Amino acid sequence: MHYLLSAVKLKPTVPPETFAQTVAELTDYLQSAELISGASALGKRYRHPIMDTDKDDLDFFFTISFDSHQQLETSVDYMTGRSGAGAQLHEQLWSQLAQYRFTCWAD
């Protein structure tokens, strides 16, 4: 499995509920198109004074899982190609972000 962790800070004008709906719509689409294998719900960051060493001001996170490296690369190609039905949802998601960080890993 391959995974993507998205940690984000929303623009001040974007309610968390709006962003959560956008993430759900995009990940539902990507899963139905078999471009991802699943996604977590949107989580609120908890800043622990000792365990949290990241100083960036990112408030929410979610993970996306991929069955294989090939599925991950196919998804990246699709989303960066800016075409197809998911492109509009992806652009909508991007328009709601003030800051972001993405981290991939495999097990």
PDB file of N, CA and C in Angstrom:
ATOM      1  N   MET A   1       0.840  -1.186   0.000  1.00  0.00           N
ATOM      2  CA  MET A   1       0.000   0.000   0.000  1.00  0.00           C
ATOM      3  C   MET A   1       0.882   1.246   0.000  1.00  0.00           C
ATOM      4  N   HIS A   2       0.368   2.269  -0.625  1.00  0.00           N
ATOM      5  CA  HIS A   2       0.987   3.589  -0.621  1.00  0.00           C
ATOM      6  C   HIS A   2      -0.020   4.566  -0.024  1.00  0.00           C
ATOM      7  N   TYR A   3       0.492   5.613   0.611  1.00  0.00           N
ATOM      8  CA  TYR A   3      -0.372   6.552   1.310  1.00  0.00           C
ATOM      9  C   TYR A   3       0.065   7.987   1.030  1.00  0.00           C
ATOM     10  N   LEU A   4      -0.874   8.896   1.161  1.00  0.00           N
ATOM     11  CA  LEU A   4      -0.614  10.326   1.070  1.00  0.00           C
ATOM     12  C   LEU A   4      -1.248  10.990   2.282  1.00  0.00           C
ATOM     13  N   LEU A   5      -0.436  11.701   3.047  1.00  0.00           N
ATOM     14  CA  LEU A   5      -0.930  12.509   4.152  1.00  0.00           C
ATOM     15  C   LEU A   5      -0.990  13.948   3.669  1.00  0.00           C
ATOM     16  N   SER A   6      -2.153  14.546   3.757  1.00  0.00           N
ATOM     17  CA  SER A   6      -2.338  15.955   3.408  1.00  0.00           C
ATOM     18  C   SER A   6      -2.613  16.715   4.693  1.00  0.00           C
ATOM     19  N   ALA A   7      -1.750  17.673   5.010  1.00  0.00           N
ATOM     20  CA  ALA A   7      -1.937  18.552   6.163  1.00  0.00           C
ATOM     21  C   ALA A   7      -2.143  19.956   5.604  1.00  0.00           C
ATOM     22  N   VAL A   8      -3.213  20.633   6.043  1.00  0.00           N
ATOM     23  CA  VAL A   8      -3.585  21.889   5.397  1.00  0.00           C
ATOM     24  C   VAL A   8      -4.026  22.952   6.400  1.00  0.00           C
ATOM     25  N   LYS A   9      -3.932  24.182   5.955  1.00  0.00           N
ATOM     26  CA  LYS A   9      -4.535  25.324   6.639  1.00  0.00           C
ATOM     27  C   LYS A   9      -5.483  25.943   5.625  1.00  0.00           C
ATOM     28  N   LEU A  10      -6.718  26.151   6.036  1.00  0.00           N
ATOM     29  CA  LEU A  10      -7.724  26.702   5.143  1.00  0.00           C
ATOM     30  C   LEU A  10      -7.618  28.217   5.067  1.00  0.00           C
ATOM     31  N   LYS A  11      -8.058  28.763   3.943  1.00  0.00           N
ATOM     32  CA  LYS A  11      -8.185  30.211   3.847  1.00  0.00           C
ATOM     33  C   LYS A  11      -9.198  30.659   4.894  1.00  0.00           C
ATOM     34  N   PRO A  12      -9.038  31.861   5.443  1.00  0.00           N
ATOM     35  CA  PRO A  12      -9.935  32.326   6.521  1.00  0.00           C
ATOM     36  C   PRO A  12     -11.418  32.345   6.132  1.00  0.00           C
ATOM     37  N   THR A  13     -11.709  32.447   4.859  1.00  0.00           N
ATOM     38  CA  THR A  13     -13.103  32.518   4.416  1.00  0.00           C
ATOM     39  C   THR A  13     -13.742  31.147   4.193  1.00  0.00           C
ATOM     40  N   VAL A  14     -12.981  30.077   4.373  1.00  0.00           N
ATOM     41  CA  VAL A  14     -13.481  28.723   4.086  1.00  0.00           C
ATOM     42  C   VAL A  14     -13.857  28.025   5.385  1.00  0.00           C
ATOM     43  N   PRO A  15     -15.149  27.729   5.583  1.00  0.00           N
ATOM     44  CA  PRO A  15     -15.549  26.967   6.774  1.00  0.00           C
ATOM     45  C   PRO A  15     -15.047  25.516   6.685  1.00  0.00           C
ATOM     46  N   PRO A  16     -14.641  24.919   7.793  1.00  0.00           N
ATOM     47  CA  PRO A  16     -14.188  23.525   7.770  1.00  0.00           C
ATOM     48  C   PRO A  16     -15.215  22.569   7.149  1.00  0.00           C
ATOM     49  N   GLU A  17     -16.494  22.832   7.367  1.00  0.00           N
ATOM     50  CA  GLU A  17     -17.535  21.952   6.813  1.00  0.00           C
ATOM     51  C   GLU A  17     -17.525  21.983   5.280  1.00  0.00           C
ATOM     52  N   THR A  18     -17.271  23.140   4.718  1.00  0.00           N
ATOM     53  CA  THR A  18     -17.200  23.268   3.258  1.00  0.00           C
ATOM     54  C   THR A  18     -16.018  22.475   2.718  1.00  0.00           C
ATOM     55  N   PHE A  19     -14.874  22.613   3.380  1.00  0.00           N
ATOM     56  CA  PHE A  19     -13.698  21.880   2.940  1.00  0.00           C
ATOM     57  C   PHE A  19     -13.909  20.372   3.091  1.00  0.00           C
ATOM     58  N   ALA A  20     -14.483  19.940   4.194  1.00  0.00           N
ATOM     59  CA  ALA A  20     -14.749  18.508   4.404  1.00  0.00           C
ATOM     60  C   ALA A  20     -15.640  17.959   3.299  1.00  0.00           C
ATOM     61  N   GLN A  21     -16.638  18.717   2.878  1.00  0.00           N
ATOM     62  CA  GLN A  21     -17.521  18.289   1.796  1.00  0.00           C
ATOM     63  C   GLN A  21     -16.752  18.182   0.477  1.00  0.00           C
ATOM     64  N   THR A  22     -15.879  19.142   0.221  1.00  0.00           N
ATOM     65  CA  THR A  22     -15.069  19.112  -1.004  1.00  0.00           C
ATOM     66  C   THR A  22     -14.152  17.894  -1.012  1.00  0.00           C
ATOM     67  N   VAL A  23     -13.491  17.618   0.111  1.00  0.00           N
ATOM     68  CA  VAL A  23     -12.624  16.442   0.210  1.00  0.00           C
ATOM     69  C   VAL A  23     -13.438  15.171  -0.020  1.00  0.00           C
ATOM     70  N   ALA A  24     -14.606  15.075   0.596  1.00  0.00           N
ATOM     71  CA  ALA A  24     -15.452  13.880   0.442  1.00  0.00           C
ATOM     72  C   ALA A  24     -15.881  13.684  -1.012  1.00  0.00           C
ATOM     73  N   GLU A  25     -16.277  14.759  -1.673  1.00  0.00           N
ATOM     74  CA  GLU A  25     -16.691  14.653  -3.074  1.00  0.00           C
ATOM     75  C   GLU A  25     -15.535  14.221  -3.966  1.00  0.00           C
ATOM     76  N   LEU A  26     -14.360  14.819  -3.745  1.00  0.00           N
ATOM     77  CA  LEU A  26     -13.197  14.463  -4.559  1.00  0.00           C
ATOM     78  C   LEU A  26     -12.770  13.023  -4.309  1.00  0.00           C
ATOM     79  N   THR A  27     -12.666  12.618  -3.057  1.00  0.00           N
ATOM     80  CA  THR A  27     -12.210  11.253  -2.784  1.00  0.00           C
ATOM     81  C   THR A  27     -13.248  10.219  -3.205  1.00  0.00           C
ATOM     82  N   ASP A  28     -14.537  10.531  -3.102  1.00  0.00           N
ATOM     83  CA  ASP A  28     -15.567   9.615  -3.616  1.00  0.00           C
ATOM     84  C   ASP A  28     -15.408   9.426  -5.120  1.00  0.00           C
ATOM     85  N   TYR A  29     -15.169  10.523  -5.825  1.00  0.00           N
ATOM     86  CA  TYR A  29     -14.978  10.442  -7.272  1.00  0.00           C
ATOM     87  C   TYR A  29     -13.740   9.610  -7.605  1.00  0.00           C
ATOM     88  N   LEU A  30     -12.630   9.920  -6.941  1.00  0.00           N
ATOM     89  CA  LEU A  30     -11.382   9.204  -7.230  1.00  0.00           C
ATOM     90  C   LEU A  30     -11.493   7.719  -6.914  1.00  0.00           C
ATOM     91  N   GLN A  31     -12.227   7.396  -5.844  1.00  0.00           N
ATOM     92  CA  GLN A  31     -12.407   5.985  -5.506  1.00  0.00           C
ATOM     93  C   GLN A  31     -13.294   5.288  -6.535  1.00  0.00           C
ATOM     94  N   SER A  32     -14.346   5.952  -6.981  1.00  0.00           N
ATOM     95  CA  SER A  32     -15.222   5.333  -7.993  1.00  0.00           C
ATOM     96  C   SER A  32     -14.503   5.146  -9.327  1.00  0.00           C
ATOM     97  N   ALA A  33     -13.520   6.008  -9.599  1.00  0.00           N
ATOM     98  CA  ALA A  33     -12.725   5.891 -10.828  1.00  0.00           C
ATOM     99  C   ALA A  33     -11.524   4.955 -10.634  1.00  0.00           C
ATOM    100  N   GLU A  34     -11.422   4.336  -9.462  1.00  0.00           N
ATOM    101  CA  GLU A  34     -10.339   3.424  -9.100  1.00  0.00           C
ATOM    102  C   GLU A  34      -8.964   4.084  -9.171  1.00  0.00           C
ATOM    103  N   LEU A  35      -8.925   5.389  -8.858  1.00  0.00           N
ATOM    104  CA  LEU A  35      -7.663   6.119  -8.809  1.00  0.00           C
ATOM    105  C   LEU A  35      -7.083   6.151  -7.400  1.00  0.00           C
ATOM    106  N   ILE A  36      -7.889   5.810  -6.398  1.00  0.00           N
ATOM    107  CA  ILE A  36      -7.438   5.631  -5.021  1.00  0.00           C
ATOM    108  C   ILE A  36      -8.171   4.428  -4.452  1.00  0.00           C
ATOM    109  N   SER A  37      -7.636   3.879  -3.367  1.00  0.00           N
ATOM    110  CA  SER A  37      -8.347   2.751  -2.748  1.00  0.00           C
ATOM    111  C   SER A  37      -9.203   3.196  -1.574  1.00  0.00           C
ATOM    112  N   GLY A  38      -8.916   4.377  -1.008  1.00  0.00           N
ATOM    113  CA  GLY A  38      -9.727   4.864   0.098  1.00  0.00           C
ATOM    114  C   GLY A  38      -9.177   6.168   0.647  1.00  0.00           C
ATOM    115  N   ALA A  39      -9.923   6.746   1.583  1.00  0.00           N
ATOM    116  CA  ALA A  39      -9.516   8.001   2.211  1.00  0.00           C
ATOM    117  C   ALA A  39     -10.090   8.076   3.613  1.00  0.00           C
ATOM    118  N   SER A  40      -9.395   8.790   4.476  1.00  0.00           N
ATOM    119  CA  SER A  40      -9.882   8.998   5.839  1.00  0.00           C
ATOM    120  C   SER A  40     -10.826  10.188   5.869  1.00  0.00           C
ATOM    121  N   ALA A  41     -11.496  10.334   6.971  1.00  0.00           N
ATOM    122  CA  ALA A  41     -12.278  11.541   7.210  1.00  0.00           C
ATOM    123  C   ALA A  41     -11.309  12.691   7.484  1.00  0.00           C
ATOM    124  N   LEU A  42     -11.803  13.901   7.367  1.00  0.00           N
ATOM    125  CA  LEU A  42     -11.007  15.077   7.694  1.00  0.00           C
ATOM    126  C   LEU A  42     -10.836  15.149   9.210  1.00  0.00           C
ATOM    127  N   GLY A  43      -9.597  15.298   9.649  1.00  0.00           N
ATOM    128  CA  GLY A  43      -9.309  15.388  11.079  1.00  0.00           C
ATOM    129  C   GLY A  43      -8.802  16.764  11.452  1.00  0.00           C
ATOM    130  N   LYS A  44      -9.045  17.156  12.689  1.00  0.00           N
ATOM    131  CA  LYS A  44      -8.553  18.431  13.225  1.00  0.00           C
ATOM    132  C   LYS A  44      -7.241  18.157  13.944  1.00  0.00           C
ATOM    133  N   ARG A  45      -6.247  18.950  13.646  1.00  0.00           N
ATOM    134  CA  ARG A  45      -4.941  18.762  14.265  1.00  0.00           C
ATOM    135  C   ARG A  45      -5.001  19.067  15.756  1.00  0.00           C
ATOM    136  N   TYR A  46      -4.332  18.234  16.526  1.00  0.00           N
ATOM    137  CA  TYR A  46      -4.148  18.462  17.957  1.00  0.00           C
ATOM    138  C   TYR A  46      -2.670  18.769  18.165  1.00  0.00           C
ATOM    139  N   ARG A  47      -2.365  19.914  18.684  1.00  0.00           N
ATOM    140  CA  ARG A  47      -0.974  20.316  18.896  1.00  0.00           C
ATOM    141  C   ARG A  47      -0.530  19.911  20.304  1.00  0.00           C
ATOM    142  N   HIS A  48       0.266  18.866  20.369  1.00  0.00           N
ATOM    143  CA  HIS A  48       0.810  18.411  21.640  1.00  0.00           C
ATOM    144  C   HIS A  48       2.113  19.166  21.894  1.00  0.00           C
ATOM    145  N   PRO A  49       2.322  19.696  23.098  1.00  0.00           N
ATOM    146  CA  PRO A  49       3.491  20.548  23.358  1.00  0.00           C
ATOM    147  C   PRO A  49       4.840  19.832  23.239  1.00  0.00           C
ATOM    148  N   ILE A  50       4.871  18.516  23.390  1.00  0.00           N
ATOM    149  CA  ILE A  50       6.132  17.787  23.297  1.00  0.00           C
ATOM    150  C   ILE A  50       6.186  16.924  22.035  1.00  0.00           C
ATOM    151  N   MET A  51       5.133  16.179  21.773  1.00  0.00           N
ATOM    152  CA  MET A  51       5.138  15.225  20.665  1.00  0.00           C
ATOM    153  C   MET A  51       5.032  15.883  19.289  1.00  0.00           C
ATOM    154  N   ASP A  52       4.448  17.046  19.218  1.00  0.00           N
ATOM    155  CA  ASP A  52       4.239  17.723  17.936  1.00  0.00           C
ATOM    156  C   ASP A  52       5.430  18.639  17.677  1.00  0.00           C
ATOM    157  N   THR A  53       6.345  18.213  16.821  1.00  0.00           N
ATOM    158  CA  THR A  53       7.561  18.990  16.560  1.00  0.00           C
ATOM    159  C   THR A  53       7.424  19.898  15.342  1.00  0.00           C
ATOM    160  N   ASP A  54       6.340  19.784  14.619  1.00  0.00           N
ATOM    161  CA  ASP A  54       6.110  20.607  13.437  1.00  0.00           C
ATOM    162  C   ASP A  54       5.603  21.972  13.881  1.00  0.00           C
ATOM    163  N   LYS A  55       6.268  23.017  13.465  1.00  0.00           N
ATOM    164  CA  LYS A  55       5.907  24.374  13.880  1.00  0.00           C
ATOM    165  C   LYS A  55       4.957  25.067  12.893  1.00  0.00           C
ATOM    166  N   ASP A  56       4.720  24.450  11.744  1.00  0.00           N
ATOM    167  CA  ASP A  56       3.820  25.070  10.770  1.00  0.00           C
ATOM    168  C   ASP A  56       2.404  25.142  11.310  1.00  0.00           C
ATOM    169  N   ASP A  57       1.685  26.114  10.830  1.00  0.00           N
ATOM    170  CA  ASP A  57       0.332  26.390  11.301  1.00  0.00           C
ATOM    171  C   ASP A  57      -0.689  25.683  10.411  1.00  0.00           C
ATOM    172  N   LEU A  58      -0.680  24.357  10.431  1.00  0.00           N
ATOM    173  CA  LEU A  58      -1.604  23.562   9.629  1.00  0.00           C
ATOM    174  C   LEU A  58      -2.658  22.974  10.564  1.00  0.00           C
ATOM    175  N   ASP A  59      -3.929  23.109  10.194  1.00  0.00           N
ATOM    176  CA  ASP A  59      -5.010  22.807  11.128  1.00  0.00           C
ATOM    177  C   ASP A  59      -5.755  21.496  10.891  1.00  0.00           C
ATOM    178  N   PHE A  60      -5.776  21.012   9.666  1.00  0.00           N
ATOM    179  CA  PHE A  60      -6.562  19.828   9.332  1.00  0.00           C
ATOM    180  C   PHE A  60      -5.696  18.841   8.557  1.00  0.00           C
ATOM    181  N   PHE A  61      -6.122  17.580   8.564  1.00  0.00           N
ATOM    182  CA  PHE A  61      -5.385  16.560   7.824  1.00  0.00           C
ATOM    183  C   PHE A  61      -6.341  15.482   7.339  1.00  0.00           C
ATOM    184  N   PHE A  62      -5.902  14.758   6.325  1.00  0.00           N
ATOM    185  CA  PHE A  62      -6.585  13.550   5.875  1.00  0.00           C
ATOM    186  C   PHE A  62      -5.576  12.695   5.132  1.00  0.00           C
ATOM    187  N   THR A  63      -5.861  11.413   5.041  1.00  0.00           N
ATOM    188  CA  THR A  63      -4.987  10.495   4.317  1.00  0.00           C
ATOM    189  C   THR A  63      -5.751   9.859   3.167  1.00  0.00           C
ATOM    190  N   ILE A  64      -4.999   9.551   2.140  1.00  0.00           N
ATOM    191  CA  ILE A  64      -5.523   8.819   0.982  1.00  0.00           C
ATOM    192  C   ILE A  64      -4.653   7.583   0.817  1.00  0.00           C
ATOM    193  N   SER A  65      -5.266   6.460   0.514  1.00  0.00           N
ATOM    194  CA  SER A  65      -4.503   5.225   0.313  1.00  0.00           C
ATOM    195  C   SER A  65      -4.627   4.759  -1.140  1.00  0.00           C
ATOM    196  N   PHE A  66      -3.552   4.098  -1.573  1.00  0.00           N
ATOM    197  CA  PHE A  66      -3.448   3.580  -2.933  1.00  0.00           C
ATOM    198  C   PHE A  66      -3.054   2.112  -2.843  1.00  0.00           C
ATOM    199  N   ASP A  67      -3.628   1.278  -3.685  1.00  0.00           N
ATOM    200  CA  ASP A  67      -3.321  -0.152  -3.658  1.00  0.00           C
ATOM    201  C   ASP A  67      -1.904  -0.460  -4.108  1.00  0.00           C
ATOM    202  N   SER A  68      -1.341   0.417  -4.951  1.00  0.00           N
ATOM    203  CA  SER A  68      -0.023   0.140  -5.518  1.00  0.00           C
ATOM    204  C   SER A  68       0.651   1.440  -5.927  1.00  0.00           C
ATOM    205  N   HIS A  69       1.939   1.340  -6.198  1.00  0.00           N
ATOM    206  CA  HIS A  69       2.684   2.483  -6.723  1.00  0.00           C
ATOM    207  C   HIS A  69       2.077   2.923  -8.056  1.00  0.00           C
ATOM    208  N   GLN A  70       1.688   1.980  -8.875  1.00  0.00           N
ATOM    209  CA  GLN A  70       1.095   2.316 -10.174  1.00  0.00           C
ATOM    210  C   GLN A  70      -0.199   3.111 -10.007  1.00  0.00           C
ATOM    211  N   GLN A  71      -1.047   2.715  -9.066  1.00  0.00           N
ATOM    212  CA  GLN A  71      -2.288   3.465  -8.834  1.00  0.00           C
ATOM    213  C   GLN A  71      -1.976   4.888  -8.371  1.00  0.00           C
ATOM    214  N   LEU A  72      -0.983   5.041  -7.503  1.00  0.00           N
ATOM    215  CA  LEU A  72      -0.557   6.369  -7.061  1.00  0.00           C
ATOM    216  C   LEU A  72      -0.119   7.213  -8.246  1.00  0.00           C
ATOM    217  N   GLU A  73       0.739   6.676  -9.094  1.00  0.00           N
ATOM    218  CA  GLU A  73       1.239   7.434 -10.247  1.00  0.00           C
ATOM    219  C   GLU A  73       0.130   7.755 -11.247  1.00  0.00           C
ATOM    220  N   THR A  74      -0.794   6.831 -11.442  1.00  0.00           N
ATOM    221  CA  THR A  74      -1.929   7.084 -12.337  1.00  0.00           C
ATOM    222  C   THR A  74      -2.796   8.216 -11.797  1.00  0.00           C
ATOM    223  N   SER A  75      -3.006   8.216 -10.492  1.00  0.00           N
ATOM    224  CA  SER A  75      -3.779   9.277  -9.857  1.00  0.00           C
ATOM    225  C   SER A  75      -3.077  10.625  -9.996  1.00  0.00           C
ATOM    226  N   VAL A  76      -1.778  10.658  -9.765  1.00  0.00           N
ATOM    227  CA  VAL A  76      -1.010  11.897  -9.910  1.00  0.00           C
ATOM    228  C   VAL A  76      -1.092  12.402 -11.350  1.00  0.00           C
ATOM    229  N   ASP A  77      -0.913  11.521 -12.308  1.00  0.00           N
ATOM    230  CA  ASP A  77      -1.005  11.919 -13.724  1.00  0.00           C
ATOM    231  C   ASP A  77      -2.376  12.493 -14.040  1.00  0.00           C
ATOM    232  N   TYR A  78      -3.406  11.848 -13.520  1.00  0.00           N
ATOM    233  CA  TYR A  78      -4.770  12.312 -13.774  1.00  0.00           C
ATOM    234  C   TYR A  78      -5.000  13.698 -13.166  1.00  0.00           C
ATOM    235  N   MET A  79      -4.604  13.876 -11.905  1.00  0.00           N
ATOM    236  CA  MET A  79      -4.880  15.134 -11.217  1.00  0.00           C
ATOM    237  C   MET A  79      -4.019  16.277 -11.735  1.00  0.00           C
ATOM    238  N   THR A  80      -2.796  15.997 -12.137  1.00  0.00           N
ATOM    239  CA  THR A  80      -1.948  17.066 -12.662  1.00  0.00           C
ATOM    240  C   THR A  80      -2.251  17.363 -14.128  1.00  0.00           C
ATOM    241  N   GLY A  81      -2.977  16.471 -14.787  1.00  0.00           N
ATOM    242  CA  GLY A  81      -3.368  16.705 -16.177  1.00  0.00           C
ATOM    243  C   GLY A  81      -4.475  17.741 -16.312  1.00  0.00           C
ATOM    244  N   ARG A  82      -5.160  18.035 -15.212  1.00  0.00           N
ATOM    245  CA  ARG A  82      -6.209  19.050 -15.160  1.00  0.00           C
ATOM    246  C   ARG A  82      -7.298  18.847 -16.211  1.00  0.00           C
ATOM    247  N   SER A  83      -7.632  17.597 -16.437  1.00  0.00           N
ATOM    248  CA  SER A  83      -8.743  17.300 -17.341  1.00  0.00           C
ATOM    249  C   SER A  83      -9.577  16.181 -16.717  1.00  0.00           C
ATOM    250  N   GLY A  84     -10.760  16.013 -17.213  1.00  0.00           N
ATOM    251  CA  GLY A  84     -11.646  14.990 -16.682  1.00  0.00           C
ATOM    252  C   GLY A  84     -12.530  15.545 -15.575  1.00  0.00           C
ATOM    253  N   ALA A  85     -13.464  14.732 -15.158  1.00  0.00           N
ATOM    254  CA  ALA A  85     -14.480  15.162 -14.190  1.00  0.00           C
ATOM    255  C   ALA A  85     -13.880  15.521 -12.832  1.00  0.00           C
ATOM    256  N   GLY A  86     -12.818  14.865 -12.423  1.00  0.00           N
ATOM    257  CA  GLY A  86     -12.228  15.140 -11.114  1.00  0.00           C
ATOM    258  C   GLY A  86     -11.409  16.419 -11.058  1.00  0.00           C
ATOM    259  N   ALA A  87     -11.024  16.950 -12.210  1.00  0.00           N
ATOM    260  CA  ALA A  87     -10.175  18.146 -12.237  1.00  0.00           C
ATOM    261  C   ALA A  87     -10.866  19.344 -11.595  1.00  0.00           C
ATOM    262  N   GLN A  88     -12.143  19.531 -11.861  1.00  0.00           N
ATOM    263  CA  GLN A  88     -12.873  20.653 -11.278  1.00  0.00           C
ATOM    264  C   GLN A  88     -12.938  20.527  -9.753  1.00  0.00           C
ATOM    265  N   LEU A  89     -13.177  19.317  -9.250  1.00  0.00           N
ATOM    266  CA  LEU A  89     -13.194  19.094  -7.799  1.00  0.00           C
ATOM    267  C   LEU A  89     -11.816  19.358  -7.194  1.00  0.00           C
ATOM    268  N   HIS A  90     -10.783  18.931  -7.894  1.00  0.00           N
ATOM    269  CA  HIS A  90      -9.418  19.144  -7.419  1.00  0.00           C
ATOM    270  C   HIS A  90      -9.095  20.638  -7.369  1.00  0.00           C
ATOM    271  N   GLU A  91      -9.466  21.379  -8.385  1.00  0.00           N
ATOM    272  CA  GLU A  91      -9.246  22.827  -8.404  1.00  0.00           C
ATOM    273  C   GLU A  91     -10.038  23.517  -7.291  1.00  0.00           C
ATOM    274  N   GLN A  92     -11.248  23.042  -7.049  1.00  0.00           N
ATOM    275  CA  GLN A  92     -12.064  23.599  -5.964  1.00  0.00           C
ATOM    276  C   GLN A  92     -11.371  23.391  -4.619  1.00  0.00           C
ATOM    277  N   LEU A  93     -10.814  22.197  -4.411  1.00  0.00           N
ATOM    278  CA  LEU A  93     -10.094  21.913  -3.177  1.00  0.00           C
ATOM    279  C   LEU A  93      -8.885  22.847  -3.039  1.00  0.00           C
ATOM    280  N   TRP A  94      -8.083  22.971  -4.077  1.00  0.00           N
ATOM    281  CA  TRP A  94      -6.897  23.834  -4.043  1.00  0.00           C
ATOM    282  C   TRP A  94      -7.267  25.274  -3.724  1.00  0.00           C
ATOM    283  N   SER A  95      -8.386  25.739  -4.243  1.00  0.00           N
ATOM    284  CA  SER A  95      -8.773  27.138  -4.051  1.00  0.00           C
ATOM    285  C   SER A  95      -9.119  27.456  -2.598  1.00  0.00           C
ATOM    286  N   GLN A  96      -9.302  26.429  -1.774  1.00  0.00           N
ATOM    287  CA  GLN A  96      -9.688  26.612  -0.378  1.00  0.00           C
ATOM    288  C   GLN A  96      -8.494  26.607   0.573  1.00  0.00           C
ATOM    289  N   LEU A  97      -7.288  26.373   0.050  1.00  0.00           N
ATOM    290  CA  LEU A  97      -6.107  26.204   0.898  1.00  0.00           C
ATOM    291  C   LEU A  97      -5.264  27.467   0.998  1.00  0.00           C
ATOM    292  N   ALA A  98      -4.836  27.778   2.219  1.00  0.00           N
ATOM    293  CA  ALA A  98      -3.876  28.857   2.453  1.00  0.00           C
ATOM    294  C   ALA A  98      -2.454  28.291   2.526  1.00  0.00           C
ATOM    295  N   GLN A  99      -2.297  27.123   3.152  1.00  0.00           N
ATOM    296  CA  GLN A  99      -1.006  26.430   3.279  1.00  0.00           C
ATOM    297  C   GLN A  99      -1.273  24.928   3.194  1.00  0.00           C
ATOM    298  N   TYR A 100      -0.246  24.196   2.842  1.00  0.00           N
ATOM    299  CA  TYR A 100      -0.401  22.739   2.754  1.00  0.00           C
ATOM    300  C   TYR A 100       0.958  22.054   2.817  1.00  0.00           C
ATOM    301  N   ARG A 101       0.935  20.780   3.156  1.00  0.00           N
ATOM    302  CA  ARG A 101       2.094  19.903   3.105  1.00  0.00           C
ATOM    303  C   ARG A 101       1.588  18.507   2.776  1.00  0.00           C
ATOM    304  N   PHE A 102       2.279  17.846   1.873  1.00  0.00           N
ATOM    305  CA  PHE A 102       1.930  16.490   1.484  1.00  0.00           C
ATOM    306  C   PHE A 102       3.100  15.572   1.778  1.00  0.00           C
ATOM    307  N   THR A 103       2.808  14.397   2.292  1.00  0.00           N
ATOM    308  CA  THR A 103       3.823  13.400   2.584  1.00  0.00           C
ATOM    309  C   THR A 103       3.336  12.041   2.110  1.00  0.00           C
ATOM    310  N   CYS A 104       4.163  11.368   1.327  1.00  0.00           N
ATOM    311  CA  CYS A 104       3.829  10.003   0.854  1.00  0.00           C
ATOM    312  C   CYS A 104       4.713   8.987   1.561  1.00  0.00           C
ATOM    313  N   TRP A 105       4.159   7.783   1.722  1.00  0.00           N
ATOM    314  CA  TRP A 105       4.935   6.668   2.253  1.00  0.00           C
ATOM    315  C   TRP A 105       4.320   5.360   1.776  1.00  0.00           C
ATOM    316  N   ALA A 106       5.086   4.313   1.928  1.00  0.00           N
ATOM    317  CA  ALA A 106       4.617   2.971   1.537  1.00  0.00           C
ATOM    318  C   ALA A 106       4.959   1.990   2.645  1.00  0.00           C
ATOM    319  N   ASP A 107       4.135   0.947   2.757  1.00  0.00           N
ATOM    320  CA  ASP A 107       4.454  -0.105   3.726  1.00  0.00           C
ATOM    321  C   ASP A 107       4.520  -1.444   3.033  1.00  0.00           C
TER     322      ASP A 107
END
